[in-house]
Amino acid sequence: MEVGSGLRHAVVMVLSELGQSHDYRDRADAGHGLAGFAEMQEALGPLLDLVLDPHDTFVTRRTVEALLRRKDRAGLTIVASALAVANSNHSDWIHTGIVDVFSIFSEDRDDAMRLCEEISRDSDDRVALGAHHLHEMLADIDPVLRPA
């Protein structure tokens, strides 16, 4: 293992541990930080746990926004996976994060919709279902800024 990947792994492990704190602020910070490592397999479980945090929806919102601000397949896939099994309260906060991130630029929203179409063909039924729901939520957004 090269030094950079070893350090990235170590950071994910430390942030995952922080994500188990009793303090919601620590868990929210862990979700925000872990989102930067969403492409790493070892970050997947902790990120899903933080998106679906059973104690505080602030953790949900902060983690979701950080994942969506990546504007990539890794972040969208984790949000979609969580959305597929989220209760109504978590779904509401995930939706709030989606609106916060994608309601400004139509190009960002349109790119996310294209990625969701791809993700909805995933072999994992949970991910595919969540991507379908995420696509529907994105389609309901009317972004403020459109290309000239």
C-alpha atoms as a PDB file:
ATOM      1  CA  MET A   1       0.000   0.000   0.000  1.00  0.00           C
ATOM      2  CA  GLU A   2       1.462   3.346  -0.949  1.00  0.00           C
ATOM      3  CA  VAL A   3       1.697   6.126   1.626  1.00  0.00           C
ATOM      4  CA  GLY A   4      -1.162   8.250   0.238  1.00  0.00           C
ATOM      5  CA  SER A   5      -3.667   5.415   0.203  1.00  0.00           C
ATOM      6  CA  GLY A   6      -2.568   4.325   3.683  1.00  0.00           C
ATOM      7  CA  LEU A   7      -3.185   7.804   5.022  1.00  0.00           C
ATOM      8  CA  ARG A   8      -6.568   8.008   3.290  1.00  0.00           C
ATOM      9  CA  HIS A   9      -7.536   4.687   4.858  1.00  0.00           C
ATOM     10  CA  ALA A  10      -6.407   5.939   8.283  1.00  0.00           C
ATOM     11  CA  VAL A  11      -8.462   9.126   7.906  1.00  0.00           C
ATOM     12  CA  VAL A  12     -11.565   7.134   6.958  1.00  0.00           C
ATOM     13  CA  MET A  13     -11.087   4.917  10.010  1.00  0.00           C
ATOM     14  CA  VAL A  14     -10.727   7.919  12.352  1.00  0.00           C
ATOM     15  CA  LEU A  15     -13.730   9.714  10.855  1.00  0.00           C
ATOM     16  CA  SER A  16     -15.758   6.501  11.067  1.00  0.00           C
ATOM     17  CA  GLU A  17     -14.924   6.314  14.755  1.00  0.00           C
ATOM     18  CA  LEU A  18     -15.912   9.968  15.224  1.00  0.00           C
ATOM     19  CA  GLY A  19     -19.188   9.105  13.492  1.00  0.00           C
ATOM     20  CA  GLN A  20     -20.048   6.872  16.442  1.00  0.00           C
ATOM     21  CA  SER A  21     -19.761   9.681  18.991  1.00  0.00           C
ATOM     22  CA  HIS A  22     -22.629  10.448  21.355  1.00  0.00           C
ATOM     23  CA  ASP A  23     -22.354  14.127  20.359  1.00  0.00           C
ATOM     24  CA  TYR A  24     -24.414  14.950  17.237  1.00  0.00           C
ATOM     25  CA  ARG A  25     -21.891  17.651  16.276  1.00  0.00           C
ATOM     26  CA  ASP A  26     -19.123  15.068  16.093  1.00  0.00           C
ATOM     27  CA  ARG A  27     -21.292  12.796  13.962  1.00  0.00           C
ATOM     28  CA  ALA A  28     -22.210  15.686  11.647  1.00  0.00           C
ATOM     29  CA  ASP A  29     -18.537  16.637  11.270  1.00  0.00           C
ATOM     30  CA  ALA A  30     -17.680  12.998  10.597  1.00  0.00           C
ATOM     31  CA  GLY A  31     -20.338  12.799   7.857  1.00  0.00           C
ATOM     32  CA  HIS A  32     -19.100  16.008   6.288  1.00  0.00           C
ATOM     33  CA  GLY A  33     -15.513  14.791   6.354  1.00  0.00           C
ATOM     34  CA  LEU A  34     -16.251  11.234   5.218  1.00  0.00           C
ATOM     35  CA  ALA A  35     -18.122  12.550   2.185  1.00  0.00           C
ATOM     36  CA  GLY A  36     -14.726  13.488   0.753  1.00  0.00           C
ATOM     37  CA  PHE A  37     -13.859   9.785   0.773  1.00  0.00           C
ATOM     38  CA  ALA A  38     -17.182   8.473  -0.578  1.00  0.00           C
ATOM     39  CA  GLU A  39     -15.455   6.590  -3.389  1.00  0.00           C
ATOM     40  CA  MET A  40     -13.656   4.375  -0.841  1.00  0.00           C
ATOM     41  CA  GLN A  41     -15.400   1.116   0.030  1.00  0.00           C
ATOM     42  CA  GLU A  42     -14.579   1.458   3.735  1.00  0.00           C
ATOM     43  CA  ALA A  43     -16.428   4.805   3.893  1.00  0.00           C
ATOM     44  CA  LEU A  44     -19.697   3.404   2.483  1.00  0.00           C
ATOM     45  CA  GLY A  45     -21.130   1.794   5.642  1.00  0.00           C
ATOM     46  CA  PRO A  46     -20.294   4.683   7.973  1.00  0.00           C
ATOM     47  CA  LEU A  47     -21.710   7.209   5.490  1.00  0.00           C
ATOM     48  CA  LEU A  48     -24.973   5.279   5.146  1.00  0.00           C
ATOM     49  CA  ASP A  49     -25.223   5.109   8.944  1.00  0.00           C
ATOM     50  CA  LEU A  50     -24.711   8.870   9.217  1.00  0.00           C
ATOM     51  CA  VAL A  51     -27.239   9.697   6.486  1.00  0.00           C
ATOM     52  CA  LEU A  52     -29.754   7.592   8.417  1.00  0.00           C
ATOM     53  CA  ASP A  53     -28.588   8.794  11.863  1.00  0.00           C
ATOM     54  CA  PRO A  54     -31.251   7.606  14.326  1.00  0.00           C
ATOM     55  CA  HIS A  55     -30.676  10.382  16.865  1.00  0.00           C
ATOM     56  CA  ASP A  56     -30.413  13.706  15.014  1.00  0.00           C
ATOM     57  CA  THR A  57     -31.479  14.763  11.533  1.00  0.00           C
ATOM     58  CA  PHE A  58     -28.860  17.543  11.550  1.00  0.00           C
ATOM     59  CA  VAL A  59     -26.367  14.721  10.978  1.00  0.00           C
ATOM     60  CA  THR A  60     -28.511  13.495   8.076  1.00  0.00           C
ATOM     61  CA  ARG A  61     -28.725  16.905   6.458  1.00  0.00           C
ATOM     62  CA  ARG A  62     -25.031  17.777   6.838  1.00  0.00           C
ATOM     63  CA  THR A  63     -23.893  14.399   5.505  1.00  0.00           C
ATOM     64  CA  VAL A  64     -26.336  14.444   2.576  1.00  0.00           C
ATOM     65  CA  GLU A  65     -25.338  17.953   1.533  1.00  0.00           C
ATOM     66  CA  ALA A  66     -21.640  17.062   1.623  1.00  0.00           C
ATOM     67  CA  LEU A  67     -22.249  13.920  -0.444  1.00  0.00           C
ATOM     68  CA  LEU A  68     -24.363  15.782  -3.003  1.00  0.00           C
ATOM     69  CA  ARG A  69     -21.914  18.678  -3.290  1.00  0.00           C
ATOM     70  CA  ARG A  70     -19.432  16.154  -4.712  1.00  0.00           C
ATOM     71  CA  LYS A  71     -21.754  16.090  -7.739  1.00  0.00           C
ATOM     72  CA  ASP A  72     -20.503  12.656  -8.692  1.00  0.00           C
ATOM     73  CA  ARG A  73     -21.648   9.067  -8.929  1.00  0.00           C
ATOM     74  CA  ALA A  74     -20.176   8.051  -5.552  1.00  0.00           C
ATOM     75  CA  GLY A  75     -22.048  10.716  -3.588  1.00  0.00           C
ATOM     76  CA  LEU A  76     -25.315  10.235  -5.455  1.00  0.00           C
ATOM     77  CA  THR A  77     -25.152   6.457  -5.073  1.00  0.00           C
ATOM     78  CA  ILE A  78     -24.811   6.659  -1.286  1.00  0.00           C
ATOM     79  CA  VAL A  79     -27.693   9.130  -1.018  1.00  0.00           C
ATOM     80  CA  ALA A  80     -29.809   6.951  -3.318  1.00  0.00           C
ATOM     81  CA  SER A  81     -29.060   3.847  -1.273  1.00  0.00           C
ATOM     82  CA  ALA A  82     -30.088   5.609   1.934  1.00  0.00           C
ATOM     83  CA  LEU A  83     -33.181   7.115   0.321  1.00  0.00           C
ATOM     84  CA  ALA A  84     -34.441   3.658  -0.634  1.00  0.00           C
ATOM     85  CA  VAL A  85     -34.768   2.635   3.025  1.00  0.00           C
ATOM     86  CA  ALA A  86     -35.228   6.005   4.750  1.00  0.00           C
ATOM     87  CA  ASN A  87     -38.239   6.638   6.967  1.00  0.00           C
ATOM     88  CA  SER A  88     -40.405   9.678   6.179  1.00  0.00           C
ATOM     89  CA  ASN A  89     -38.485  11.948   8.554  1.00  0.00           C
ATOM     90  CA  HIS A  90     -35.120  11.099   7.042  1.00  0.00           C
ATOM     91  CA  SER A  91     -36.603  11.316   3.532  1.00  0.00           C
ATOM     92  CA  ASP A  92     -37.769  14.851   4.279  1.00  0.00           C
ATOM     93  CA  TRP A  93     -34.274  15.908   5.377  1.00  0.00           C
ATOM     94  CA  ILE A  94     -32.637  14.154   2.440  1.00  0.00           C
ATOM     95  CA  HIS A  95     -35.068  16.023   0.179  1.00  0.00           C
ATOM     96  CA  THR A  96     -34.137  19.300   1.878  1.00  0.00           C
ATOM     97  CA  GLY A  97     -30.468  18.602   1.144  1.00  0.00           C
ATOM     98  CA  ILE A  98     -31.265  17.802  -2.484  1.00  0.00           C
ATOM     99  CA  VAL A  99     -33.137  21.084  -2.895  1.00  0.00           C
ATOM    100  CA  ASP A 100     -30.370  23.058  -1.163  1.00  0.00           C
ATOM    101  CA  VAL A 101     -27.687  21.650  -3.450  1.00  0.00           C
ATOM    102  CA  PHE A 102     -29.490  21.470  -6.791  1.00  0.00           C
ATOM    103  CA  SER A 103     -31.930  24.398  -6.847  1.00  0.00           C
ATOM    104  CA  ILE A 104     -29.485  27.024  -8.119  1.00  0.00           C
ATOM    105  CA  PHE A 105     -27.837  25.835 -11.352  1.00  0.00           C
ATOM    106  CA  SER A 106     -29.873  23.872 -13.894  1.00  0.00           C
ATOM    107  CA  GLU A 107     -26.701  22.283 -15.309  1.00  0.00           C
ATOM    108  CA  ASP A 108     -25.869  20.766 -11.896  1.00  0.00           C
ATOM    109  CA  ARG A 109     -29.405  19.447 -11.513  1.00  0.00           C
ATOM    110  CA  ASP A 110     -29.447  18.080 -15.075  1.00  0.00           C
ATOM    111  CA  ASP A 111     -26.062  16.359 -14.618  1.00  0.00           C
ATOM    112  CA  ALA A 112     -27.306  14.763 -11.387  1.00  0.00           C
ATOM    113  CA  MET A 113     -30.448  13.557 -13.158  1.00  0.00           C
ATOM    114  CA  ARG A 114     -28.321  11.920 -15.890  1.00  0.00           C
ATOM    115  CA  LEU A 115     -26.207  10.182 -13.258  1.00  0.00           C
ATOM    116  CA  CYS A 116     -29.358   9.009 -11.462  1.00  0.00           C
ATOM    117  CA  GLU A 117     -30.626   7.484 -14.713  1.00  0.00           C
ATOM    118  CA  GLU A 118     -27.371   5.506 -14.937  1.00  0.00           C
ATOM    119  CA  ILE A 119     -27.452   4.541 -11.260  1.00  0.00           C
ATOM    120  CA  SER A 120     -31.076   3.395 -11.564  1.00  0.00           C
ATOM    121  CA  ARG A 121     -29.788   0.546 -13.752  1.00  0.00           C
ATOM    122  CA  ASP A 122     -27.528  -0.685 -10.918  1.00  0.00           C
ATOM    123  CA  SER A 123     -27.684  -4.395 -10.171  1.00  0.00           C
ATOM    124  CA  ASP A 124     -28.315  -3.612  -6.485  1.00  0.00           C
ATOM    125  CA  ASP A 125     -32.110  -3.210  -6.238  1.00  0.00           C
ATOM    126  CA  ARG A 126     -31.822  -0.890  -3.237  1.00  0.00           C
ATOM    127  CA  VAL A 127     -29.502   1.490  -5.096  1.00  0.00           C
ATOM    128  CA  ALA A 128     -31.652   1.342  -8.254  1.00  0.00           C
ATOM    129  CA  LEU A 129     -34.842   2.098  -6.310  1.00  0.00           C
ATOM    130  CA  GLY A 130     -33.226   4.970  -4.432  1.00  0.00           C
ATOM    131  CA  ALA A 131     -31.812   6.411  -7.664  1.00  0.00           C
ATOM    132  CA  HIS A 132     -35.299   6.359  -9.147  1.00  0.00           C
ATOM    133  CA  HIS A 133     -36.663   8.277  -6.114  1.00  0.00           C
ATOM    134  CA  LEU A 134     -33.732  10.689  -6.235  1.00  0.00           C
ATOM    135  CA  HIS A 135     -34.346  11.299  -9.947  1.00  0.00           C
ATOM    136  CA  GLU A 136     -38.005  12.115  -9.216  1.00  0.00           C
ATOM    137  CA  MET A 137     -37.010  14.589  -6.493  1.00  0.00           C
ATOM    138  CA  LEU A 138     -34.518  16.258  -8.822  1.00  0.00           C
ATOM    139  CA  ALA A 139     -37.117  16.478 -11.600  1.00  0.00           C
ATOM    140  CA  ASP A 140     -39.407  18.449  -9.265  1.00  0.00           C
ATOM    141  CA  ILE A 141     -36.766  21.156  -8.757  1.00  0.00           C
ATOM    142  CA  ASP A 142     -36.996  24.293 -10.888  1.00  0.00           C
ATOM    143  CA  PRO A 143     -33.449  25.738 -10.708  1.00  0.00           C
ATOM    144  CA  VAL A 144     -32.994  29.488 -10.477  1.00  0.00           C
ATOM    145  CA  LEU A 145     -30.192  29.854 -13.044  1.00  0.00           C
ATOM    146  CA  ARG A 146     -30.232  28.404 -16.545  1.00  0.00           C
ATOM    147  CA  PRO A 147     -27.681  28.730 -19.381  1.00  0.00           C
ATOM    148  CA  ALA A 148     -28.202  31.763 -21.582  1.00  0.00           C
END
